[in-house]
Amino acid sequence: MTVELDDAVAETIEREARKRRITAEQRAAEILTSYHEGFQRFPDGVLREGRAKLIELLSPVPCLRNFDSSGVDFRFWWVSFEVDMASPVAWAVIRWLGANLNTLSAEMQLPTVFKPIPGEWPDDPFRWQIESTVPLLDPQEVVAWLAEKLPERMADLDAWNAQ
């Protein structure tokens, strides 16, 4: 097999190969094999199904609506939604999601981020997005993480105000 690479990519592979004391071809083979093994661990549909489970988990939250997610199986994924800011629990839900999806502490970053996404047009509704920050993070791991921490009665406004 012959593969043409940009000069910068070829130089990076050659530099890494020298550090490892192998040929550039061996280093390129390692990279391609690693990439292939990642896809073997995540067969088609795993990320799609996980995103669907995350949406299913968050759907009962009273102020979240109009869910969307990345359309095809990428190594990184996202789930977005609108927050009804007229809801009395909107800011409590936003704080809770931020606290449980962004960091455990100043020293420990989680493999997800929860952030606002502005609309393309001034009258577009504001959206919020949960996205993976590491490749091939299974969204079902996030579902399990959040399910342990979510209020038992997610549709109950008082449960969110007590958070």
Protein backbone atom coordinates (compact mmCIF):
# COMPACT_ATOMS: atom_id res chain seq x y z
CA MET A 1 0.00 0.00 0.00
CA THR A 2 1.25 3.47 -0.80
CA VAL A 3 0.03 6.53 1.07
CA GLU A 4 0.91 10.12 0.22
CA LEU A 5 1.27 12.44 3.22
CA ASP A 6 1.71 16.17 3.67
CA ASP A 7 5.32 17.08 4.41
CA ALA A 8 4.47 18.14 7.97
CA VAL A 9 2.76 14.80 8.70
CA ALA A 10 5.65 12.82 7.21
CA GLU A 11 8.16 14.81 9.28
CA THR A 12 6.20 14.13 12.46
CA ILE A 13 6.09 10.39 11.74
CA GLU A 14 9.82 10.35 10.94
CA ARG A 15 10.64 12.27 14.15
CA GLU A 16 8.56 9.86 16.25
CA ALA A 17 10.16 6.89 14.49
CA ARG A 18 13.67 8.14 15.31
CA LYS A 19 12.71 8.54 18.99
CA ARG A 20 11.43 4.95 19.04
CA ARG A 21 14.36 3.66 16.98
CA ILE A 22 12.11 2.19 14.30
CA THR A 23 11.50 3.00 10.64
CA ALA A 24 8.98 5.61 9.55
CA GLU A 25 7.03 2.82 7.87
CA GLN A 26 6.83 0.88 11.16
CA ARG A 27 5.63 4.02 12.98
CA ALA A 28 2.99 4.68 10.31
CA ALA A 29 1.84 1.05 10.63
CA GLU A 30 1.56 1.47 14.44
CA ILE A 31 -0.59 4.58 14.00
CA LEU A 32 -2.90 2.92 11.48
CA THR A 33 -3.18 -0.25 13.57
CA SER A 34 -4.07 1.78 16.67
CA TYR A 35 -6.71 3.68 14.71
CA HIS A 36 -8.19 0.40 13.41
CA GLU A 37 -8.21 -1.18 16.89
CA GLY A 38 -10.18 1.80 18.19
CA PHE A 39 -12.90 1.17 15.66
CA GLN A 40 -12.91 -2.55 16.44
CA ARG A 41 -13.66 -1.71 20.08
CA PHE A 42 -16.56 0.54 19.00
CA PRO A 43 -18.53 -1.24 16.27
CA ASP A 44 -21.05 0.75 14.22
CA GLY A 45 -23.88 2.09 16.30
CA VAL A 46 -22.27 2.12 19.77
CA LEU A 47 -21.87 5.89 19.89
CA ARG A 48 -25.27 6.45 18.22
CA GLU A 49 -27.02 4.18 20.72
CA GLY A 50 -25.19 5.80 23.61
CA ARG A 51 -26.25 9.28 22.50
CA ALA A 52 -29.85 8.05 22.27
CA LYS A 53 -29.61 6.67 25.83
CA LEU A 54 -28.25 10.02 27.08
CA ILE A 55 -31.17 11.85 25.47
CA GLU A 56 -33.57 9.31 26.98
CA LEU A 57 -32.04 9.86 30.43
CA LEU A 58 -32.28 13.67 30.23
CA SER A 59 -35.71 13.90 28.55
CA PRO A 60 -37.71 13.87 31.82
CA VAL A 61 -35.84 16.95 33.12
CA PRO A 62 -38.64 19.57 33.10
CA CYS A 63 -36.83 22.44 31.36
CA LEU A 64 -34.91 20.52 28.68
CA ARG A 65 -36.38 20.20 25.17
CA ASN A 66 -35.56 19.88 21.45
CA PHE A 67 -32.71 17.39 21.79
CA ASP A 68 -30.25 16.79 18.96
CA SER A 69 -27.00 14.86 18.65
CA SER A 70 -24.08 14.41 16.28
CA GLY A 71 -25.52 12.65 13.26
CA VAL A 72 -23.00 9.92 12.49
CA ASP A 73 -20.53 7.89 14.48
CA PHE A 74 -17.57 10.19 15.01
CA ARG A 75 -14.74 9.54 17.42
CA PHE A 76 -16.05 12.54 19.37
CA TRP A 77 -19.77 13.13 19.92
CA TRP A 78 -22.20 15.72 21.26
CA VAL A 79 -25.78 16.00 22.49
CA SER A 80 -27.47 19.41 22.51
CA PHE A 81 -30.79 20.79 23.74
CA GLU A 82 -32.63 23.97 24.59
CA VAL A 83 -33.25 25.03 28.18
CA ASP A 84 -36.58 26.71 28.88
CA MET A 85 -35.26 29.72 30.78
CA ALA A 86 -38.79 30.54 31.97
CA SER A 87 -38.72 27.37 34.07
CA PRO A 88 -38.09 27.99 37.78
CA VAL A 89 -35.47 25.22 37.76
CA ALA A 90 -33.57 26.23 34.61
CA TRP A 91 -30.52 27.66 36.40
CA ALA A 92 -30.50 24.84 38.96
CA VAL A 93 -30.39 22.29 36.10
CA ILE A 94 -27.66 24.24 34.27
CA ARG A 95 -25.55 24.46 37.46
CA TRP A 96 -26.08 20.76 38.18
CA LEU A 97 -25.12 19.67 34.65
CA GLY A 98 -22.06 21.92 34.67
CA ALA A 99 -20.92 20.62 38.05
CA ASN A 100 -21.40 16.98 37.05
CA LEU A 101 -20.08 17.12 33.49
CA ASN A 102 -17.21 19.62 33.53
CA THR A 103 -14.91 18.89 36.48
CA LEU A 104 -14.63 16.85 39.62
CA SER A 105 -12.10 19.29 41.02
CA ALA A 106 -9.63 21.91 39.80
CA GLU A 107 -7.09 19.13 39.24
CA MET A 108 -9.36 16.53 37.66
CA GLN A 109 -11.02 17.23 34.32
CA LEU A 110 -13.80 14.92 33.18
CA PRO A 111 -13.90 13.48 29.62
CA THR A 112 -16.97 15.65 28.89
CA VAL A 113 -17.83 19.32 28.76
CA PHE A 114 -21.19 21.05 29.20
CA LYS A 115 -21.33 24.46 27.54
CA PRO A 116 -23.65 27.00 25.91
CA ILE A 117 -23.83 27.13 22.12
CA PRO A 118 -25.06 30.40 20.59
CA GLY A 119 -27.46 30.20 17.65
CA GLU A 120 -26.43 31.09 14.12
CA TRP A 121 -28.98 33.88 13.95
CA PRO A 122 -29.94 36.47 16.60
CA ASP A 123 -33.45 35.04 16.99
CA ASP A 124 -32.27 31.40 17.21
CA PRO A 125 -32.83 29.85 20.62
CA PHE A 126 -29.77 29.39 22.79
CA ARG A 127 -28.67 25.75 23.02
CA TRP A 128 -26.58 23.87 25.55
CA GLN A 129 -24.28 21.02 24.58
CA ILE A 130 -22.72 18.01 26.25
CA GLU A 131 -19.71 16.80 24.28
CA SER A 132 -16.94 14.28 24.66
CA THR A 133 -13.41 15.62 25.02
CA VAL A 134 -11.64 12.29 24.56
CA PRO A 135 -11.94 10.08 21.49
CA LEU A 136 -14.28 7.09 21.59
CA LEU A 137 -15.81 7.86 24.98
CA ASP A 138 -18.91 5.69 25.14
CA PRO A 139 -21.89 7.98 25.91
CA GLN A 140 -23.38 5.13 27.96
CA GLU A 141 -20.56 5.69 30.47
CA VAL A 142 -21.84 9.26 30.84
CA VAL A 143 -25.39 7.93 31.19
CA ALA A 144 -24.29 5.63 34.03
CA TRP A 145 -22.35 8.47 35.70
CA LEU A 146 -25.28 10.90 35.56
CA ALA A 147 -27.93 8.31 36.46
CA GLU A 148 -26.21 7.77 39.82
CA LYS A 149 -26.33 11.49 40.58
CA LEU A 150 -29.65 12.67 39.10
CA PRO A 151 -32.58 13.37 41.42
CA GLU A 152 -34.84 10.33 41.70
CA ARG A 153 -37.88 12.35 40.64
CA MET A 154 -36.42 14.32 37.72
CA ALA A 155 -39.79 15.74 36.63
CA ASP A 156 -40.38 17.14 40.15
CA LEU A 157 -39.39 20.82 40.26
CA ASP A 158 -38.75 20.64 44.01
CA ALA A 159 -36.17 17.88 43.49
CA TRP A 160 -34.09 20.27 41.34
CA ASN A 161 -34.43 23.17 43.72
CA ALA A 162 -33.08 20.95 46.49
CA GLN A 163 -29.92 20.14 44.51
